[in-house]
Amino acid sequence: MTVTLFLPIPPSLNNAYVNVPGLGRVRSKAYNQWLTEAAWRLKIQRATQPTCFKGEVVVDLTVERKRKGVGDIDNRIKPVLDLLTKYGIIEDDSHVQQVTARWGETTTVRVSAAER
């Protein structure tokens, strides 16, 4: 089984948290905005393809690139895996056996049950 989800461009992990005196590291405004938008998109898409993967999965991530040469693709993976876990698409990101990430035209995530 495979599901393809369309998401907003995830923030770079470098910009996902900020230091706040007295509080330590907290989620940035940009990260919170992305989480809100991504949650709405997941809710809409799950209405037509409800899915919760149990066990091991493979994740294929394509991220829209606004400007060539800006940002690292690997900094986009963790926010997406955490989102998939938080909203029950996957049980836990520790079940991800393989991640493929690339720059592309649109931001999509394809999640598949891992072959055994």
Foldseek 3Di string as FASTA:
>chain_A
DKDKFFFAAADFLVQQWDQDPPPGIDGDPSNVVRLVRRVVRCVVRCVVPPAADEAAKEKEWEGEDPDPPDDDQVRRPVSVQVSCCVVRNYVHSVRYPYYHYYYDHGIMMMMDHDDD
